[in-house]
Amino acid sequence: MTKIYLIRHGFSDGNNAHIFTGSTDMDLCEKGFEQAKILAEYMKNVQIDRIYSSDLCRVVHTIEPTAKEKRLKIVTDRCLREIDGGVWEGMTYDEIGEKYPKEFDVWINDIDNSRCVGGESVAELRERVYGALLRIASENDGKTLAIATHATPIRATVSRLTGKPMRSINWVTNASITAVNFADGSFELVRTGYDEYLGSLGTGFAGKI
């Protein structure tokens, strides 16, 4: 069996400014870097064999302290990126709602069928990320992996594994851990969005990437 810890990036400059960052390479803010340190401390006694990450800096910088603690290389993979937001990239959520009310309403209320204007659909993201997880898990049979990524990929993965629509699944919080097992070609969801170790530094999602 392969054990996988899916980790969402820490609190970012985009989160702080209520900006749809998507595949834009925005870094962590000060709180996010602190969350990354706490994550590494929590993971100190957890066996990790390999670490994979989205190539965007807010994710790499979230898992970097853990990699240093484990003395492991971070393998970056573009397939673990957040959704390509198209023209929404860099816009505030209020601006998107004003300029693209119909499309943004679908994002908020029926995300499974949403497509970012000029960018990627959620269905496309779901298949991209699932394919990456299947490939990584298959290449690491019997190992324990940390895979650092973003909120929409994790939400889409939980949807795929449970068969529930994404609109019925909560966003995971910053620097939280979602545990998944992989055996005989199938994934099993163990735990979603665990973040109690962050204590007062925990940050909710509130619908923002």
N, C-alpha and C. Protein backbone atom coordinates (compact mmCIF):
# COMPACT_ATOMS: atom_id res chain seq x y z
N MET A 1 0.83 -1.20 0.00
CA MET A 1 0.00 0.00 0.00
C MET A 1 0.87 1.25 0.00
N THR A 2 0.49 2.23 -0.76
CA THR A 2 1.16 3.53 -0.80
C THR A 2 0.35 4.53 0.00
N LYS A 3 0.99 5.22 0.92
CA LYS A 3 0.32 6.25 1.71
C LYS A 3 0.66 7.62 1.14
N ILE A 4 -0.35 8.45 1.01
CA ILE A 4 -0.16 9.78 0.43
C ILE A 4 -0.73 10.84 1.38
N TYR A 5 0.07 11.87 1.64
CA TYR A 5 -0.41 13.04 2.37
C TYR A 5 -0.50 14.20 1.39
N LEU A 6 -1.72 14.58 1.05
CA LEU A 6 -1.95 15.74 0.19
C LEU A 6 -1.96 17.00 1.06
N ILE A 7 -1.08 17.93 0.75
CA ILE A 7 -0.93 19.13 1.58
C ILE A 7 -1.26 20.37 0.77
N ARG A 8 -2.18 21.16 1.28
CA ARG A 8 -2.48 22.43 0.61
C ARG A 8 -1.46 23.48 1.04
N HIS A 9 -1.11 24.37 0.13
CA HIS A 9 -0.13 25.42 0.45
C HIS A 9 -0.61 26.31 1.59
N GLY A 10 0.33 26.98 2.21
CA GLY A 10 0.02 27.90 3.30
C GLY A 10 -0.64 29.18 2.81
N PHE A 11 -0.99 30.01 3.78
CA PHE A 11 -1.68 31.27 3.50
C PHE A 11 -0.79 32.15 2.63
N SER A 12 -1.33 32.57 1.49
CA SER A 12 -0.52 33.26 0.47
C SER A 12 -0.88 34.74 0.37
N ASP A 13 -0.04 35.46 -0.37
CA ASP A 13 -0.34 36.86 -0.66
C ASP A 13 -1.67 36.98 -1.40
N GLY A 14 -1.94 36.02 -2.30
CA GLY A 14 -3.20 36.03 -3.03
C GLY A 14 -4.39 35.81 -2.12
N ASN A 15 -4.26 34.86 -1.17
CA ASN A 15 -5.33 34.64 -0.20
C ASN A 15 -5.59 35.92 0.60
N ASN A 16 -4.52 36.54 1.03
CA ASN A 16 -4.62 37.73 1.87
C ASN A 16 -5.30 38.89 1.14
N ALA A 17 -5.07 38.99 -0.17
CA ALA A 17 -5.63 40.09 -0.96
C ALA A 17 -6.93 39.71 -1.66
N HIS A 18 -7.44 38.51 -1.38
CA HIS A 18 -8.69 38.04 -2.00
C HIS A 18 -8.60 38.04 -3.53
N ILE A 19 -7.46 37.55 -4.02
CA ILE A 19 -7.20 37.51 -5.46
C ILE A 19 -7.29 36.07 -5.95
N PHE A 20 -7.87 35.91 -7.14
CA PHE A 20 -7.91 34.60 -7.79
C PHE A 20 -6.53 34.39 -8.42
N THR A 21 -5.70 33.61 -7.74
CA THR A 21 -4.33 33.45 -8.22
C THR A 21 -4.19 32.32 -9.24
N GLY A 22 -4.96 31.23 -9.08
CA GLY A 22 -4.86 30.15 -10.05
C GLY A 22 -3.44 29.71 -10.29
N SER A 23 -2.99 29.79 -11.54
CA SER A 23 -1.62 29.38 -11.89
C SER A 23 -0.62 30.53 -11.82
N THR A 24 -1.06 31.70 -11.34
CA THR A 24 -0.14 32.82 -11.13
C THR A 24 0.80 32.49 -9.97
N ASP A 25 2.08 32.82 -10.11
CA ASP A 25 3.08 32.39 -9.13
C ASP A 25 3.22 33.40 -8.00
N MET A 26 2.22 33.46 -7.13
CA MET A 26 2.26 34.33 -5.96
C MET A 26 2.78 33.55 -4.76
N ASP A 27 3.57 34.21 -3.95
CA ASP A 27 4.23 33.54 -2.83
C ASP A 27 3.36 33.53 -1.57
N LEU A 28 3.87 32.86 -0.55
CA LEU A 28 3.25 32.88 0.77
C LEU A 28 3.41 34.26 1.40
N CYS A 29 2.48 34.59 2.28
CA CYS A 29 2.70 35.77 3.12
C CYS A 29 3.36 35.31 4.42
N GLU A 30 3.60 36.21 5.33
CA GLU A 30 4.32 35.88 6.56
C GLU A 30 3.64 34.75 7.33
N LYS A 31 2.33 34.80 7.43
CA LYS A 31 1.60 33.75 8.14
C LYS A 31 1.77 32.41 7.45
N GLY A 32 1.80 32.40 6.13
CA GLY A 32 1.98 31.17 5.39
C GLY A 32 3.33 30.53 5.65
N PHE A 33 4.38 31.35 5.74
CA PHE A 33 5.71 30.81 6.05
C PHE A 33 5.74 30.23 7.46
N GLU A 34 5.02 30.86 8.39
CA GLU A 34 4.94 30.32 9.75
C GLU A 34 4.19 28.99 9.74
N GLN A 35 3.12 28.90 8.96
CA GLN A 35 2.38 27.64 8.84
C GLN A 35 3.28 26.53 8.29
N ALA A 36 4.14 26.88 7.33
CA ALA A 36 5.06 25.90 6.75
C ALA A 36 6.01 25.35 7.81
N LYS A 37 6.50 26.19 8.71
CA LYS A 37 7.39 25.75 9.77
C LYS A 37 6.66 24.81 10.73
N ILE A 38 5.41 25.15 11.05
CA ILE A 38 4.63 24.31 11.96
C ILE A 38 4.32 22.97 11.31
N LEU A 39 4.02 23.00 10.01
CA LEU A 39 3.79 21.76 9.27
C LEU A 39 5.02 20.85 9.36
N ALA A 40 6.20 21.41 9.15
CA ALA A 40 7.43 20.62 9.21
C ALA A 40 7.63 20.01 10.59
N GLU A 41 7.33 20.79 11.61
CA GLU A 41 7.44 20.28 12.98
C GLU A 41 6.47 19.12 13.21
N TYR A 42 5.25 19.27 12.71
CA TYR A 42 4.24 18.21 12.86
C TYR A 42 4.66 16.95 12.11
N MET A 43 5.26 17.12 10.93
CA MET A 43 5.63 15.99 10.10
C MET A 43 6.96 15.34 10.52
N LYS A 44 7.60 15.91 11.54
CA LYS A 44 8.93 15.44 11.95
C LYS A 44 8.94 13.94 12.25
N ASN A 45 7.89 13.46 12.89
CA ASN A 45 7.83 12.06 13.29
C ASN A 45 6.99 11.20 12.36
N VAL A 46 6.67 11.74 11.19
CA VAL A 46 5.92 10.99 10.19
C VAL A 46 6.89 10.50 9.12
N GLN A 47 6.87 9.22 8.84
CA GLN A 47 7.75 8.66 7.82
C GLN A 47 7.36 9.18 6.44
N ILE A 48 8.28 9.80 5.75
CA ILE A 48 8.06 10.27 4.38
C ILE A 48 9.24 9.77 3.53
N ASP A 49 8.93 9.12 2.42
CA ASP A 49 9.97 8.61 1.54
C ASP A 49 10.30 9.55 0.38
N ARG A 50 9.28 10.21 -0.14
CA ARG A 50 9.48 11.13 -1.26
C ARG A 50 8.51 12.30 -1.15
N ILE A 51 8.93 13.43 -1.72
CA ILE A 51 8.10 14.64 -1.68
C ILE A 51 7.90 15.16 -3.10
N TYR A 52 6.64 15.40 -3.44
CA TYR A 52 6.27 15.98 -4.73
C TYR A 52 5.53 17.29 -4.47
N SER A 53 5.61 18.20 -5.45
CA SER A 53 5.00 19.51 -5.26
C SER A 53 4.61 20.13 -6.60
N SER A 54 3.54 20.89 -6.58
CA SER A 54 3.29 21.85 -7.65
C SER A 54 4.54 22.72 -7.78
N ASP A 55 4.80 23.19 -9.00
CA ASP A 55 6.01 24.00 -9.21
C ASP A 55 5.82 25.46 -8.82
N LEU A 56 4.64 25.87 -8.38
CA LEU A 56 4.40 27.26 -7.99
C LEU A 56 5.00 27.52 -6.61
N CYS A 57 5.57 28.72 -6.44
CA CYS A 57 6.39 28.99 -5.26
C CYS A 57 5.62 28.91 -3.95
N ARG A 58 4.33 29.25 -3.94
CA ARG A 58 3.60 29.20 -2.68
C ARG A 58 3.49 27.76 -2.16
N VAL A 59 3.55 26.80 -3.08
CA VAL A 59 3.48 25.39 -2.68
C VAL A 59 4.87 24.88 -2.33
N VAL A 60 5.84 25.17 -3.17
CA VAL A 60 7.22 24.74 -2.89
C VAL A 60 7.68 25.28 -1.55
N HIS A 61 7.38 26.55 -1.26
CA HIS A 61 7.82 27.15 0.00
C HIS A 61 7.05 26.61 1.20
N THR A 62 5.87 26.04 0.97
CA THR A 62 5.13 25.40 2.05
C THR A 62 5.78 24.08 2.45
N ILE A 63 6.21 23.30 1.48
CA ILE A 63 6.75 21.97 1.77
C ILE A 63 8.26 22.00 1.99
N GLU A 64 8.91 23.11 1.67
CA GLU A 64 10.38 23.20 1.77
C GLU A 64 10.92 22.90 3.17
N PRO A 65 10.34 23.48 4.24
CA PRO A 65 10.87 23.16 5.57
C PRO A 65 10.76 21.67 5.91
N THR A 66 9.69 21.03 5.45
CA THR A 66 9.53 19.59 5.68
C THR A 66 10.59 18.82 4.91
N ALA A 67 10.85 19.23 3.67
CA ALA A 67 11.88 18.56 2.86
C ALA A 67 13.26 18.70 3.51
N LYS A 68 13.55 19.87 4.05
CA LYS A 68 14.83 20.09 4.72
C LYS A 68 14.95 19.22 5.97
N GLU A 69 13.87 19.14 6.72
CA GLU A 69 13.85 18.30 7.92
C GLU A 69 14.07 16.84 7.57
N LYS A 70 13.47 16.40 6.46
CA LYS A 70 13.57 14.99 6.03
C LYS A 70 14.81 14.73 5.18
N ARG A 71 15.51 15.81 4.78
CA ARG A 71 16.65 15.70 3.88
C ARG A 71 16.25 15.01 2.57
N LEU A 72 15.12 15.46 2.05
CA LEU A 72 14.59 14.91 0.80
C LEU A 72 14.52 15.99 -0.27
N LYS A 73 14.69 15.59 -1.51
CA LYS A 73 14.55 16.48 -2.65
C LYS A 73 13.06 16.70 -2.93
N ILE A 74 12.70 17.91 -3.34
CA ILE A 74 11.34 18.20 -3.78
C ILE A 74 11.26 17.98 -5.29
N VAL A 75 10.40 17.07 -5.70
CA VAL A 75 10.17 16.82 -7.13
C VAL A 75 8.97 17.66 -7.57
N THR A 76 9.20 18.67 -8.40
CA THR A 76 8.09 19.52 -8.83
C THR A 76 7.41 18.94 -10.07
N ASP A 77 6.11 19.18 -10.14
CA ASP A 77 5.29 18.62 -11.23
C ASP A 77 4.21 19.63 -11.59
N ARG A 78 4.24 20.12 -12.82
CA ARG A 78 3.26 21.12 -13.27
C ARG A 78 1.83 20.58 -13.24
N CYS A 79 1.68 19.27 -13.30
CA CYS A 79 0.33 18.68 -13.29
C CYS A 79 -0.35 18.83 -11.93
N LEU A 80 0.41 19.22 -10.91
CA LEU A 80 -0.16 19.44 -9.58
C LEU A 80 -0.54 20.89 -9.35
N ARG A 81 -0.44 21.71 -10.39
CA ARG A 81 -0.79 23.13 -10.27
C ARG A 81 -2.28 23.36 -10.00
N GLU A 82 -2.55 24.56 -9.49
CA GLU A 82 -3.92 25.03 -9.36
C GLU A 82 -4.52 25.23 -10.74
N ILE A 83 -5.81 25.41 -10.81
CA ILE A 83 -6.52 25.60 -12.07
C ILE A 83 -5.98 26.83 -12.82
N ASP A 84 -5.94 26.72 -14.14
CA ASP A 84 -5.59 27.86 -14.98
C ASP A 84 -6.80 28.78 -15.03
N GLY A 85 -6.68 29.95 -14.39
CA GLY A 85 -7.81 30.85 -14.25
C GLY A 85 -8.11 31.72 -15.45
N GLY A 86 -7.33 31.60 -16.54
CA GLY A 86 -7.60 32.42 -17.72
C GLY A 86 -7.59 33.90 -17.39
N VAL A 87 -8.62 34.61 -17.83
CA VAL A 87 -8.67 36.06 -17.61
C VAL A 87 -8.96 36.41 -16.15
N TRP A 88 -9.36 35.43 -15.36
CA TRP A 88 -9.62 35.68 -13.94
C TRP A 88 -8.33 35.83 -13.13
N GLU A 89 -7.22 35.35 -13.68
CA GLU A 89 -5.95 35.41 -12.96
C GLU A 89 -5.63 36.86 -12.54
N GLY A 90 -5.35 37.03 -11.26
CA GLY A 90 -4.95 38.33 -10.74
C GLY A 90 -6.10 39.27 -10.42
N MET A 91 -7.33 38.85 -10.72
CA MET A 91 -8.49 39.68 -10.39
C MET A 91 -8.97 39.36 -8.98
N THR A 92 -9.56 40.35 -8.30
CA THR A 92 -10.19 40.06 -7.02
C THR A 92 -11.50 39.32 -7.28
N TYR A 93 -11.98 38.66 -6.27
CA TYR A 93 -13.24 37.93 -6.42
C TYR A 93 -14.40 38.88 -6.69
N ASP A 94 -14.36 40.06 -6.10
CA ASP A 94 -15.40 41.05 -6.36
C ASP A 94 -15.38 41.48 -7.83
N GLU A 95 -14.17 41.67 -8.38
CA GLU A 95 -14.05 42.08 -9.78
C GLU A 95 -14.57 40.99 -10.72
N ILE A 96 -14.27 39.74 -10.41
CA ILE A 96 -14.76 38.64 -11.25
C ILE A 96 -16.29 38.60 -11.23
N GLY A 97 -16.86 38.75 -10.03
CA GLY A 97 -18.31 38.73 -9.91
C GLY A 97 -18.98 39.85 -10.68
N GLU A 98 -18.32 41.01 -10.74
CA GLU A 98 -18.88 42.15 -11.45
C GLU A 98 -18.75 42.00 -12.97
N LYS A 99 -17.61 41.51 -13.45
CA LYS A 99 -17.35 41.44 -14.88
C LYS A 99 -17.86 40.15 -15.53
N TYR A 100 -17.92 39.10 -14.75
CA TYR A 100 -18.35 37.80 -15.29
C TYR A 100 -19.37 37.15 -14.34
N PRO A 101 -20.51 37.82 -14.12
CA PRO A 101 -21.46 37.35 -13.10
C PRO A 101 -22.01 35.95 -13.38
N LYS A 102 -22.32 35.65 -14.64
CA LYS A 102 -22.90 34.34 -14.97
C LYS A 102 -21.89 33.23 -14.72
N GLU A 103 -20.68 33.39 -15.25
CA GLU A 103 -19.66 32.35 -15.11
C GLU A 103 -19.21 32.19 -13.64
N PHE A 104 -19.15 33.31 -12.93
CA PHE A 104 -18.71 33.23 -11.54
C PHE A 104 -19.77 32.61 -10.65
N ASP A 105 -21.03 32.81 -11.02
CA ASP A 105 -22.12 32.18 -10.28
C ASP A 105 -22.02 30.65 -10.39
N VAL A 106 -21.63 30.18 -11.58
CA VAL A 106 -21.44 28.73 -11.75
C VAL A 106 -20.29 28.26 -10.87
N TRP A 107 -19.18 29.03 -10.83
CA TRP A 107 -18.05 28.68 -9.97
C TRP A 107 -18.47 28.56 -8.51
N ILE A 108 -19.28 29.48 -8.05
CA ILE A 108 -19.68 29.50 -6.64
C ILE A 108 -20.71 28.42 -6.33
N ASN A 109 -21.69 28.21 -7.22
CA ASN A 109 -22.83 27.36 -6.90
C ASN A 109 -22.87 26.01 -7.61
N ASP A 110 -22.08 25.85 -8.66
CA ASP A 110 -22.08 24.59 -9.40
C ASP A 110 -20.67 24.34 -9.95
N ILE A 111 -19.69 24.32 -9.05
CA ILE A 111 -18.29 24.32 -9.46
C ILE A 111 -17.91 23.14 -10.34
N ASP A 112 -18.62 22.02 -10.19
CA ASP A 112 -18.31 20.84 -11.02
C ASP A 112 -18.42 21.16 -12.50
N ASN A 113 -19.29 22.08 -12.85
CA ASN A 113 -19.53 22.43 -14.26
C ASN A 113 -18.95 23.79 -14.64
N SER A 114 -18.01 24.27 -13.82
CA SER A 114 -17.45 25.59 -14.04
C SER A 114 -16.24 25.56 -14.97
N ARG A 115 -16.08 26.64 -15.72
CA ARG A 115 -14.87 26.88 -16.50
C ARG A 115 -14.44 28.32 -16.27
N CYS A 116 -13.17 28.53 -15.91
CA CYS A 116 -12.64 29.88 -15.81
C CYS A 116 -12.63 30.50 -17.21
N VAL A 117 -13.10 31.71 -17.34
CA VAL A 117 -13.19 32.37 -18.65
C VAL A 117 -11.78 32.45 -19.26
N GLY A 118 -11.63 31.86 -20.43
CA GLY A 118 -10.33 31.86 -21.10
C GLY A 118 -9.33 30.89 -20.51
N GLY A 119 -9.78 30.04 -19.59
CA GLY A 119 -8.85 29.12 -18.92
C GLY A 119 -9.37 27.70 -18.88
N GLU A 120 -9.07 27.04 -17.80
CA GLU A 120 -9.31 25.61 -17.65
C GLU A 120 -10.68 25.36 -17.01
N SER A 121 -11.30 24.25 -17.37
CA SER A 121 -12.52 23.84 -16.69
C SER A 121 -12.16 23.01 -15.47
N VAL A 122 -13.06 22.94 -14.52
CA VAL A 122 -12.83 22.13 -13.33
C VAL A 122 -12.74 20.65 -13.70
N ALA A 123 -13.53 20.22 -14.68
CA ALA A 123 -13.46 18.83 -15.14
C ALA A 123 -12.08 18.51 -15.70
N GLU A 124 -11.50 19.45 -16.44
CA GLU A 124 -10.15 19.24 -16.98
C GLU A 124 -9.12 19.17 -15.86
N LEU A 125 -9.25 20.06 -14.89
CA LEU A 125 -8.35 20.02 -13.74
C LEU A 125 -8.46 18.70 -13.00
N ARG A 126 -9.69 18.22 -12.79
CA ARG A 126 -9.90 16.97 -12.07
C ARG A 126 -9.15 15.82 -12.72
N GLU A 127 -9.25 15.72 -14.05
CA GLU A 127 -8.59 14.63 -14.75
C GLU A 127 -7.06 14.81 -14.77
N ARG A 128 -6.61 16.06 -14.90
CA ARG A 128 -5.17 16.34 -14.88
C ARG A 128 -4.55 15.91 -13.56
N VAL A 129 -5.16 16.33 -12.46
CA VAL A 129 -4.61 16.04 -11.14
C VAL A 129 -4.74 14.55 -10.80
N TYR A 130 -5.88 13.96 -11.13
CA TYR A 130 -6.06 12.54 -10.85
C TYR A 130 -5.03 11.71 -11.62
N GLY A 131 -4.78 12.08 -12.86
CA GLY A 131 -3.78 11.38 -13.66
C GLY A 131 -2.40 11.48 -13.04
N ALA A 132 -2.06 12.67 -12.52
CA ALA A 132 -0.76 12.87 -11.87
C ALA A 132 -0.64 12.02 -10.61
N LEU A 133 -1.70 12.01 -9.80
CA LEU A 133 -1.68 11.22 -8.57
C LEU A 133 -1.57 9.74 -8.87
N LEU A 134 -2.29 9.27 -9.88
CA LEU A 134 -2.24 7.86 -10.26
C LEU A 134 -0.83 7.49 -10.72
N ARG A 135 -0.22 8.35 -11.52
CA ARG A 135 1.13 8.10 -12.00
C ARG A 135 2.14 8.08 -10.85
N ILE A 136 2.06 9.07 -9.98
CA ILE A 136 3.01 9.18 -8.86
C ILE A 136 2.85 8.00 -7.92
N ALA A 137 1.60 7.64 -7.59
CA ALA A 137 1.35 6.53 -6.68
C ALA A 137 1.84 5.21 -7.27
N SER A 138 1.61 5.03 -8.56
CA SER A 138 2.02 3.79 -9.22
C SER A 138 3.54 3.65 -9.27
N GLU A 139 4.24 4.77 -9.36
CA GLU A 139 5.70 4.76 -9.42
C GLU A 139 6.35 4.58 -8.04
N ASN A 140 5.54 4.65 -6.98
CA ASN A 140 6.07 4.60 -5.62
C ASN A 140 5.35 3.57 -4.76
N ASP A 141 5.19 2.40 -5.30
CA ASP A 141 4.47 1.33 -4.61
C ASP A 141 5.08 1.04 -3.24
N GLY A 142 4.23 1.07 -2.22
CA GLY A 142 4.65 0.75 -0.87
C GLY A 142 5.34 1.87 -0.12
N LYS A 143 5.48 3.02 -0.75
CA LYS A 143 6.17 4.14 -0.11
C LYS A 143 5.14 5.10 0.54
N THR A 144 5.66 6.03 1.31
CA THR A 144 4.83 7.08 1.90
C THR A 144 5.25 8.41 1.30
N LEU A 145 4.28 9.13 0.74
CA LEU A 145 4.56 10.33 -0.04
C LEU A 145 3.89 11.56 0.56
N ALA A 146 4.57 12.68 0.48
CA ALA A 146 3.95 13.99 0.72
C ALA A 146 3.80 14.65 -0.65
N ILE A 147 2.58 15.04 -0.97
CA ILE A 147 2.32 15.71 -2.25
C ILE A 147 1.68 17.06 -1.96
N ALA A 148 2.41 18.11 -2.22
CA ALA A 148 1.95 19.47 -1.91
C ALA A 148 1.29 20.08 -3.14
N THR A 149 0.11 20.63 -2.95
CA THR A 149 -0.65 21.15 -4.08
C THR A 149 -1.57 22.29 -3.62
N HIS A 150 -2.72 22.42 -4.24
CA HIS A 150 -3.60 23.57 -4.04
C HIS A 150 -5.01 23.13 -3.63
N ALA A 151 -5.85 24.11 -3.37
CA ALA A 151 -7.19 23.82 -2.84
C ALA A 151 -8.10 23.13 -3.85
N THR A 152 -8.18 23.65 -5.08
CA THR A 152 -9.10 23.04 -6.04
C THR A 152 -8.67 21.63 -6.42
N PRO A 153 -7.37 21.36 -6.65
CA PRO A 153 -6.97 19.98 -6.88
C PRO A 153 -7.35 19.02 -5.76
N ILE A 154 -7.22 19.46 -4.51
CA ILE A 154 -7.58 18.57 -3.40
C ILE A 154 -9.09 18.38 -3.35
N ARG A 155 -9.84 19.44 -3.51
CA ARG A 155 -11.30 19.32 -3.50
C ARG A 155 -11.77 18.42 -4.64
N ALA A 156 -11.17 18.57 -5.81
CA ALA A 156 -11.54 17.74 -6.96
C ALA A 156 -11.17 16.28 -6.72
N THR A 157 -10.04 16.05 -6.07
CA THR A 157 -9.62 14.68 -5.76
C THR A 157 -10.57 14.02 -4.78
N VAL A 158 -10.94 14.75 -3.73
CA VAL A 158 -11.91 14.21 -2.77
C VAL A 158 -13.22 13.87 -3.47
N SER A 159 -13.65 14.73 -4.38
CA SER A 159 -14.86 14.47 -5.15
C SER A 159 -14.71 13.20 -5.97
N ARG A 160 -13.60 13.07 -6.65
CA ARG A 160 -13.35 11.89 -7.50
C ARG A 160 -13.33 10.61 -6.67
N LEU A 161 -12.72 10.65 -5.50
CA LEU A 161 -12.57 9.44 -4.69
C LEU A 161 -13.85 9.03 -3.96
N THR A 162 -14.68 10.02 -3.63
CA THR A 162 -15.92 9.72 -2.90
C THR A 162 -17.14 9.59 -3.79
N GLY A 163 -17.03 10.08 -5.04
CA GLY A 163 -18.17 10.08 -5.94
C GLY A 163 -19.19 11.16 -5.63
N LYS A 164 -18.82 12.08 -4.74
CA LYS A 164 -19.71 13.18 -4.38
C LYS A 164 -19.39 14.41 -5.23
N PRO A 165 -20.39 15.22 -5.58
CA PRO A 165 -20.10 16.44 -6.35
C PRO A 165 -19.27 17.40 -5.52
N MET A 166 -18.42 18.17 -6.20
CA MET A 166 -17.56 19.11 -5.49
C MET A 166 -18.35 20.14 -4.69
N ARG A 167 -19.53 20.51 -5.18
CA ARG A 167 -20.31 21.52 -4.47
C ARG A 167 -20.72 21.06 -3.07
N SER A 168 -20.68 19.75 -2.82
CA SER A 168 -21.05 19.22 -1.51
C SER A 168 -19.83 19.01 -0.61
N ILE A 169 -18.64 19.34 -1.12
CA ILE A 169 -17.39 19.10 -0.39
C ILE A 169 -16.76 20.44 -0.01
N ASN A 170 -16.38 20.55 1.26
CA ASN A 170 -15.78 21.80 1.73
C ASN A 170 -14.37 21.99 1.18
N TRP A 171 -13.96 23.25 1.01
CA TRP A 171 -12.57 23.56 0.70
C TRP A 171 -11.72 23.19 1.90
N VAL A 172 -10.53 22.66 1.64
CA VAL A 172 -9.60 22.41 2.74
C VAL A 172 -8.88 23.71 3.09
N THR A 173 -8.42 23.79 4.32
CA THR A 173 -7.78 25.00 4.81
C THR A 173 -6.30 25.03 4.44
N ASN A 174 -5.68 26.20 4.61
CA ASN A 174 -4.26 26.36 4.30
C ASN A 174 -3.39 25.43 5.14
N ALA A 175 -2.39 24.83 4.50
CA ALA A 175 -1.41 23.96 5.15
C ALA A 175 -2.04 22.76 5.85
N SER A 176 -3.23 22.37 5.41
CA SER A 176 -3.89 21.19 5.98
C SER A 176 -3.45 19.92 5.25
N ILE A 177 -3.73 18.78 5.87
CA ILE A 177 -3.31 17.48 5.34
C ILE A 177 -4.53 16.62 5.05
N THR A 178 -4.58 16.10 3.83
CA THR A 178 -5.61 15.14 3.43
C THR A 178 -4.90 13.82 3.15
N ALA A 179 -5.30 12.76 3.86
CA ALA A 179 -4.62 11.48 3.77
C ALA A 179 -5.36 10.53 2.83
N VAL A 180 -4.58 9.88 1.96
CA VAL A 180 -5.12 8.96 0.96
C VAL A 180 -4.23 7.73 0.90
N ASN A 181 -4.85 6.55 0.78
CA ASN A 181 -4.10 5.31 0.55
C ASN A 181 -4.31 4.84 -0.88
N PHE A 182 -3.31 4.15 -1.42
CA PHE A 182 -3.40 3.61 -2.78
C PHE A 182 -2.94 2.16 -2.78
N ALA A 183 -3.82 1.28 -3.24
CA ALA A 183 -3.48 -0.14 -3.31
C ALA A 183 -4.29 -0.80 -4.42
N ASP A 184 -3.66 -1.73 -5.12
CA ASP A 184 -4.33 -2.49 -6.19
C ASP A 184 -5.00 -1.58 -7.21
N GLY A 185 -4.35 -0.45 -7.51
CA GLY A 185 -4.84 0.45 -8.54
C GLY A 185 -5.96 1.38 -8.12
N SER A 186 -6.29 1.38 -6.82
CA SER A 186 -7.40 2.21 -6.35
C SER A 186 -6.98 3.07 -5.16
N PHE A 187 -7.61 4.25 -5.07
CA PHE A 187 -7.37 5.16 -3.96
C PHE A 187 -8.47 5.01 -2.90
N GLU A 188 -8.08 5.25 -1.66
CA GLU A 188 -9.04 5.28 -0.55
C GLU A 188 -8.80 6.55 0.26
N LEU A 189 -9.83 7.35 0.44
CA LEU A 189 -9.72 8.57 1.24
C LEU A 189 -9.76 8.20 2.72
N VAL A 190 -8.75 8.67 3.47
CA VAL A 190 -8.65 8.35 4.88
C VAL A 190 -9.09 9.52 5.76
N ARG A 191 -8.62 10.72 5.40
CA ARG A 191 -8.93 11.90 6.22
C ARG A 191 -8.83 13.14 5.34
N THR A 192 -9.69 14.11 5.61
CA THR A 192 -9.72 15.31 4.77
C THR A 192 -9.44 16.57 5.59
N GLY A 193 -8.47 17.35 5.14
CA GLY A 193 -8.24 18.69 5.66
C GLY A 193 -7.89 18.79 7.13
N TYR A 194 -7.04 17.90 7.62
CA TYR A 194 -6.64 17.97 9.04
C TYR A 194 -5.67 19.14 9.25
N ASP A 195 -6.01 20.01 10.21
CA ASP A 195 -5.15 21.19 10.45
C ASP A 195 -5.05 21.58 11.92
N GLU A 196 -5.43 20.67 12.83
CA GLU A 196 -5.45 21.03 14.24
C GLU A 196 -4.07 21.42 14.77
N TYR A 197 -3.02 20.90 14.16
CA TYR A 197 -1.66 21.19 14.62
C TYR A 197 -1.28 22.65 14.41
N LEU A 198 -2.04 23.37 13.58
CA LEU A 198 -1.73 24.79 13.33
C LEU A 198 -2.20 25.69 14.47
N GLY A 199 -3.11 25.20 15.30
CA GLY A 199 -3.59 25.99 16.42
C GLY A 199 -4.17 27.33 16.00
N SER A 200 -3.73 28.41 16.63
CA SER A 200 -4.25 29.74 16.34
C SER A 200 -3.80 30.27 15.00
N LEU A 201 -2.85 29.60 14.33
CA LEU A 201 -2.39 30.04 13.03
C LEU A 201 -3.19 29.42 11.89
N GLY A 202 -4.20 28.65 12.22
CA GLY A 202 -5.05 28.07 11.18
C GLY A 202 -5.82 29.16 10.44
N THR A 203 -5.94 29.00 9.12
CA THR A 203 -6.68 29.97 8.31
C THR A 203 -7.70 29.24 7.47
N GLY A 204 -8.96 29.66 7.59
CA GLY A 204 -10.04 29.08 6.82
C GLY A 204 -9.94 29.47 5.38
N PHE A 205 -10.78 28.82 4.57
CA PHE A 205 -10.68 29.02 3.13
C PHE A 205 -11.60 30.10 2.61
N ALA A 206 -12.83 30.09 3.05
CA ALA A 206 -13.81 31.11 2.66
C ALA A 206 -13.96 31.25 1.14
N GLY A 207 -13.82 30.11 0.44
CA GLY A 207 -14.09 30.11 -0.99
C GLY A 207 -13.02 30.69 -1.87
N LYS A 208 -11.83 30.89 -1.36
CA LYS A 208 -10.79 31.54 -2.15
C LYS A 208 -9.63 30.60 -2.42
N ILE A 209 -9.02 30.73 -3.60
CA ILE A 209 -7.90 29.86 -3.98
C ILE A 209 -6.59 30.41 -3.41
